Amino acid sequence: MKVKFLILALACAAMITPALAEESAKKTDSYPLDTCVVSGEPLGSMGDYYVFQHEGREVRFCCSSCKRKFLKNPEKYLKKLDDAAKEHDAAVKAETGHDGHRE
């Protein structure tokens, strides 16, 4: 009986752990947008989102096609990203009462 309980407990833990890890990653992720910087589509709406490093900066797209559009005018899209980062930082500061980390 104890063995069956242990197996059941391990199976439950195996199912719950990935969901908890994903939720934890979302809470600690400092990327300021939930949407593609080019198309405005939600990240992940077309499967896994596409991550690109542009001059040392992470940029996320809904798909690889948006990377090509980004590269035609990166300044335009980096400005969107910078504006979103400023809004994100202001929201964190308002929520926590100080910059960068929770109490």
N, C-alpha and C. Protein backbone atom coordinates (compact mmCIF):
# COMPACT_ATOMS: atom_id res chain seq x y z
N MET A 1 0.81 -1.19 0.00
CA MET A 1 0.00 0.00 0.00
C MET A 1 0.86 1.26 0.00
N LYS A 2 1.93 1.25 0.80
CA LYS A 2 2.81 2.40 0.87
C LYS A 2 3.50 2.63 -0.48
N VAL A 3 3.84 1.57 -1.18
CA VAL A 3 4.50 1.68 -2.47
C VAL A 3 3.56 2.33 -3.48
N LYS A 4 2.28 1.93 -3.48
CA LYS A 4 1.30 2.52 -4.40
C LYS A 4 1.13 4.01 -4.12
N PHE A 5 1.08 4.36 -2.85
CA PHE A 5 0.94 5.76 -2.47
C PHE A 5 2.16 6.56 -2.94
N LEU A 6 3.33 6.01 -2.75
CA LEU A 6 4.57 6.67 -3.15
C LEU A 6 4.60 6.87 -4.67
N ILE A 7 4.20 5.85 -5.42
CA ILE A 7 4.16 5.96 -6.88
C ILE A 7 3.16 7.02 -7.31
N LEU A 8 2.00 7.05 -6.67
CA LEU A 8 0.99 8.05 -6.99
C LEU A 8 1.50 9.45 -6.67
N ALA A 9 2.15 9.62 -5.54
CA ALA A 9 2.68 10.92 -5.15
C ALA A 9 3.75 11.39 -6.14
N LEU A 10 4.63 10.50 -6.55
CA LEU A 10 5.67 10.85 -7.52
C LEU A 10 5.08 11.21 -8.87
N ALA A 11 4.04 10.51 -9.28
CA ALA A 11 3.39 10.81 -10.56
C ALA A 11 2.74 12.18 -10.51
N CYS A 12 2.09 12.51 -9.41
CA CYS A 12 1.48 13.83 -9.25
C CYS A 12 2.54 14.93 -9.27
N ALA A 13 3.63 14.70 -8.58
CA ALA A 13 4.71 15.69 -8.55
C ALA A 13 5.30 15.90 -9.93
N ALA A 14 5.42 14.83 -10.70
CA ALA A 14 5.97 14.94 -12.05
C ALA A 14 5.06 15.77 -12.96
N MET A 15 3.76 15.71 -12.73
CA MET A 15 2.82 16.48 -13.55
C MET A 15 2.78 17.94 -13.12
N ILE A 16 2.95 18.22 -11.84
CA ILE A 16 2.82 19.58 -11.32
C ILE A 16 4.11 20.39 -11.49
N THR A 17 5.25 19.76 -11.35
CA THR A 17 6.53 20.47 -11.38
C THR A 17 6.75 21.32 -12.62
N PRO A 18 6.51 20.83 -13.85
CA PRO A 18 6.72 21.69 -15.03
C PRO A 18 5.83 22.93 -15.02
N ALA A 19 4.59 22.79 -14.59
CA ALA A 19 3.68 23.95 -14.54
C ALA A 19 4.18 24.97 -13.53
N LEU A 20 4.66 24.52 -12.39
CA LEU A 20 5.19 25.44 -11.38
C LEU A 20 6.46 26.14 -11.88
N ALA A 21 7.31 25.41 -12.58
CA ALA A 21 8.53 26.00 -13.11
C ALA A 21 8.20 27.07 -14.15
N GLU A 22 7.22 26.79 -15.00
CA GLU A 22 6.83 27.77 -16.02
C GLU A 22 6.25 29.01 -15.37
N GLU A 23 5.40 28.84 -14.37
CA GLU A 23 4.81 29.99 -13.67
C GLU A 23 5.89 30.80 -12.96
N SER A 24 6.86 30.12 -12.36
CA SER A 24 7.95 30.81 -11.69
C SER A 24 8.78 31.61 -12.68
N ALA A 25 9.03 31.04 -13.85
CA ALA A 25 9.80 31.74 -14.88
C ALA A 25 9.06 32.99 -15.34
N LYS A 26 7.74 32.90 -15.46
CA LYS A 26 6.96 34.07 -15.86
C LYS A 26 7.08 35.19 -14.84
N LYS A 27 7.09 34.84 -13.57
CA LYS A 27 7.15 35.86 -12.52
C LYS A 27 8.52 36.54 -12.48
N THR A 28 9.58 35.82 -12.83
CA THR A 28 10.92 36.39 -12.74
C THR A 28 11.42 36.93 -14.07
N ASP A 29 10.67 36.73 -15.13
CA ASP A 29 11.06 37.18 -16.45
C ASP A 29 10.94 38.69 -16.53
N SER A 30 12.03 39.35 -16.87
CA SER A 30 12.01 40.82 -16.91
C SER A 30 11.77 41.37 -18.31
N TYR A 31 11.50 40.50 -19.29
CA TYR A 31 11.22 41.00 -20.64
C TYR A 31 9.93 41.81 -20.57
N PRO A 32 9.92 43.04 -21.11
CA PRO A 32 8.81 43.95 -20.85
C PRO A 32 7.55 43.75 -21.69
N LEU A 33 7.59 42.91 -22.71
CA LEU A 33 6.43 42.74 -23.57
C LEU A 33 5.87 41.32 -23.52
N ASP A 34 4.55 41.21 -23.63
CA ASP A 34 3.88 39.92 -23.77
C ASP A 34 3.56 39.66 -25.23
N THR A 35 3.86 40.65 -26.07
CA THR A 35 3.52 40.58 -27.48
C THR A 35 4.77 40.72 -28.34
N CYS A 36 4.63 40.33 -29.59
CA CYS A 36 5.71 40.48 -30.57
C CYS A 36 5.94 41.95 -30.81
N VAL A 37 7.18 42.38 -30.78
CA VAL A 37 7.53 43.79 -30.96
C VAL A 37 7.20 44.26 -32.38
N VAL A 38 7.09 43.35 -33.33
CA VAL A 38 6.80 43.71 -34.72
C VAL A 38 5.30 43.64 -35.02
N SER A 39 4.69 42.48 -34.79
CA SER A 39 3.30 42.27 -35.21
C SER A 39 2.27 42.64 -34.15
N GLY A 40 2.69 42.63 -32.89
CA GLY A 40 1.74 42.87 -31.81
C GLY A 40 0.99 41.62 -31.38
N GLU A 41 1.24 40.50 -32.03
CA GLU A 41 0.60 39.23 -31.66
C GLU A 41 1.16 38.75 -30.32
N PRO A 42 0.33 38.08 -29.52
CA PRO A 42 0.83 37.55 -28.25
C PRO A 42 1.98 36.56 -28.48
N LEU A 43 3.02 36.70 -27.67
CA LEU A 43 4.13 35.75 -27.75
C LEU A 43 3.61 34.36 -27.41
N GLY A 44 3.95 33.39 -28.22
CA GLY A 44 3.48 32.03 -28.01
C GLY A 44 2.19 31.72 -28.74
N SER A 45 1.60 32.69 -29.40
CA SER A 45 0.32 32.45 -30.09
C SER A 45 0.50 31.59 -31.34
N MET A 46 1.72 31.47 -31.81
CA MET A 46 2.00 30.65 -33.00
C MET A 46 2.99 29.55 -32.65
N GLY A 47 2.88 29.02 -31.46
CA GLY A 47 3.85 28.05 -30.97
C GLY A 47 4.87 28.78 -30.12
N ASP A 48 6.03 28.18 -29.97
CA ASP A 48 7.09 28.82 -29.19
C ASP A 48 7.50 30.13 -29.84
N TYR A 49 7.70 31.16 -29.02
CA TYR A 49 8.14 32.43 -29.58
C TYR A 49 9.60 32.35 -29.98
N TYR A 50 10.02 33.26 -30.84
CA TYR A 50 11.36 33.29 -31.42
C TYR A 50 12.18 34.33 -30.68
N VAL A 51 13.35 33.94 -30.17
CA VAL A 51 14.23 34.85 -29.42
C VAL A 51 15.44 35.16 -30.29
N PHE A 52 15.77 36.44 -30.35
CA PHE A 52 16.88 36.92 -31.17
C PHE A 52 17.72 37.89 -30.34
N GLN A 53 19.02 37.80 -30.47
CA GLN A 53 19.93 38.74 -29.82
C GLN A 53 20.36 39.78 -30.85
N HIS A 54 20.00 41.02 -30.63
CA HIS A 54 20.39 42.10 -31.54
C HIS A 54 21.32 43.04 -30.79
N GLU A 55 22.58 43.05 -31.18
CA GLU A 55 23.59 43.88 -30.54
C GLU A 55 23.55 43.74 -29.02
N GLY A 56 23.46 42.49 -28.57
CA GLY A 56 23.48 42.19 -27.14
C GLY A 56 22.15 42.32 -26.43
N ARG A 57 21.10 42.67 -27.15
CA ARG A 57 19.77 42.82 -26.54
C ARG A 57 18.86 41.70 -26.99
N GLU A 58 18.08 41.17 -26.06
CA GLU A 58 17.12 40.14 -26.40
C GLU A 58 15.87 40.78 -26.99
N VAL A 59 15.44 40.24 -28.12
CA VAL A 59 14.21 40.68 -28.77
C VAL A 59 13.40 39.42 -29.04
N ARG A 60 12.11 39.46 -28.71
CA ARG A 60 11.24 38.30 -28.90
C ARG A 60 10.20 38.59 -29.98
N PHE A 61 9.98 37.57 -30.81
CA PHE A 61 9.02 37.66 -31.89
C PHE A 61 8.04 36.50 -31.81
N CYS A 62 6.87 36.69 -32.41
CA CYS A 62 5.89 35.60 -32.45
C CYS A 62 6.33 34.52 -33.43
N CYS A 63 7.15 34.89 -34.42
CA CYS A 63 7.61 33.93 -35.43
C CYS A 63 8.91 34.44 -36.06
N SER A 64 9.58 33.59 -36.79
CA SER A 64 10.85 34.00 -37.40
C SER A 64 10.65 35.02 -38.52
N SER A 65 9.48 35.07 -39.13
CA SER A 65 9.23 36.06 -40.19
C SER A 65 9.34 37.47 -39.65
N CYS A 66 8.94 37.67 -38.40
CA CYS A 66 9.01 39.01 -37.81
C CYS A 66 10.45 39.47 -37.62
N LYS A 67 11.37 38.53 -37.48
CA LYS A 67 12.79 38.91 -37.37
C LYS A 67 13.23 39.63 -38.64
N ARG A 68 12.82 39.13 -39.79
CA ARG A 68 13.21 39.77 -41.06
C ARG A 68 12.66 41.19 -41.13
N LYS A 69 11.43 41.39 -40.69
CA LYS A 69 10.83 42.73 -40.68
C LYS A 69 11.58 43.62 -39.70
N PHE A 70 11.93 43.08 -38.55
CA PHE A 70 12.68 43.83 -37.54
C PHE A 70 14.00 44.32 -38.10
N LEU A 71 14.72 43.46 -38.80
CA LEU A 71 16.05 43.79 -39.30
C LEU A 71 16.01 44.89 -40.37
N LYS A 72 14.87 45.11 -40.98
CA LYS A 72 14.75 46.19 -41.96
C LYS A 72 14.74 47.57 -41.29
N ASN A 73 14.28 47.62 -40.04
CA ASN A 73 14.21 48.90 -39.32
C ASN A 73 14.30 48.65 -37.81
N PRO A 74 15.45 48.17 -37.33
CA PRO A 74 15.55 47.82 -35.92
C PRO A 74 15.33 48.99 -34.96
N GLU A 75 15.71 50.19 -35.36
CA GLU A 75 15.55 51.35 -34.47
C GLU A 75 14.08 51.56 -34.09
N LYS A 76 13.20 51.40 -35.06
CA LYS A 76 11.75 51.56 -34.83
C LYS A 76 11.27 50.59 -33.75
N TYR A 77 11.67 49.34 -33.88
CA TYR A 77 11.19 48.32 -32.96
C TYR A 77 11.91 48.36 -31.62
N LEU A 78 13.18 48.75 -31.62
CA LEU A 78 13.89 48.90 -30.35
C LEU A 78 13.31 50.03 -29.52
N LYS A 79 12.83 51.08 -30.19
CA LYS A 79 12.16 52.16 -29.47
C LYS A 79 10.90 51.64 -28.77
N LYS A 80 10.13 50.80 -29.47
CA LYS A 80 8.95 50.18 -28.85
C LYS A 80 9.37 49.38 -27.62
N LEU A 81 10.44 48.63 -27.77
CA LEU A 81 10.94 47.81 -26.67
C LEU A 81 11.42 48.68 -25.51
N ASP A 82 12.13 49.76 -25.82
CA ASP A 82 12.61 50.68 -24.78
C ASP A 82 11.43 51.34 -24.05
N ASP A 83 10.42 51.77 -24.80
CA ASP A 83 9.24 52.39 -24.17
C ASP A 83 8.53 51.40 -23.26
N ALA A 84 8.40 50.15 -23.71
CA ALA A 84 7.76 49.12 -22.90
C ALA A 84 8.59 48.84 -21.65
N ALA A 85 9.91 48.85 -21.77
CA ALA A 85 10.79 48.61 -20.62
C ALA A 85 10.63 49.72 -19.58
N LYS A 86 10.51 50.96 -20.05
CA LYS A 86 10.30 52.07 -19.11
C LYS A 86 8.98 51.91 -18.37
N GLU A 87 7.92 51.53 -19.09
CA GLU A 87 6.62 51.30 -18.46
C GLU A 87 6.69 50.15 -17.47
N HIS A 88 7.39 49.08 -17.86
CA HIS A 88 7.54 47.91 -16.99
C HIS A 88 8.28 48.29 -15.71
N ASP A 89 9.38 49.03 -15.85
CA ASP A 89 10.17 49.45 -14.68
C ASP A 89 9.35 50.36 -13.76
N ALA A 90 8.56 51.26 -14.35
CA ALA A 90 7.71 52.15 -13.54
C ALA A 90 6.66 51.34 -12.78
N ALA A 91 6.10 50.32 -13.43
CA ALA A 91 5.10 49.48 -12.77
C ALA A 91 5.71 48.69 -11.62
N VAL A 92 6.93 48.16 -11.82
CA VAL A 92 7.62 47.43 -10.76
C VAL A 92 7.90 48.36 -9.59
N LYS A 93 8.36 49.57 -9.90
CA LYS A 93 8.67 50.53 -8.84
C LYS A 93 7.40 50.89 -8.06
N ALA A 94 6.29 51.09 -8.78
CA ALA A 94 5.03 51.42 -8.11
C ALA A 94 4.54 50.27 -7.24
N GLU A 95 4.74 49.04 -7.72
CA GLU A 95 4.28 47.86 -6.99
C GLU A 95 5.12 47.59 -5.75
N THR A 96 6.43 47.81 -5.86
CA THR A 96 7.32 47.44 -4.77
C THR A 96 7.73 48.61 -3.89
N GLY A 97 7.59 49.82 -4.41
CA GLY A 97 8.01 50.99 -3.65
C GLY A 97 9.48 51.33 -3.87
N HIS A 98 10.17 50.52 -4.67
CA HIS A 98 11.57 50.82 -4.99
C HIS A 98 11.95 50.08 -6.28
N ASP A 99 13.14 50.36 -6.75
CA ASP A 99 13.57 49.81 -8.04
C ASP A 99 14.01 48.35 -7.93
N GLY A 100 13.50 47.55 -8.88
CA GLY A 100 14.10 46.29 -9.18
C GLY A 100 13.77 45.04 -8.41
N HIS A 101 13.37 45.10 -7.18
CA HIS A 101 13.09 43.85 -6.48
C HIS A 101 11.98 44.04 -5.45
N ARG A 102 11.35 42.95 -5.15
CA ARG A 102 10.23 42.98 -4.21
C ARG A 102 10.73 42.97 -2.77
N GLU A 103 9.88 43.44 -1.88
CA GLU A 103 10.25 43.47 -0.46
C GLU A 103 10.24 42.09 0.13
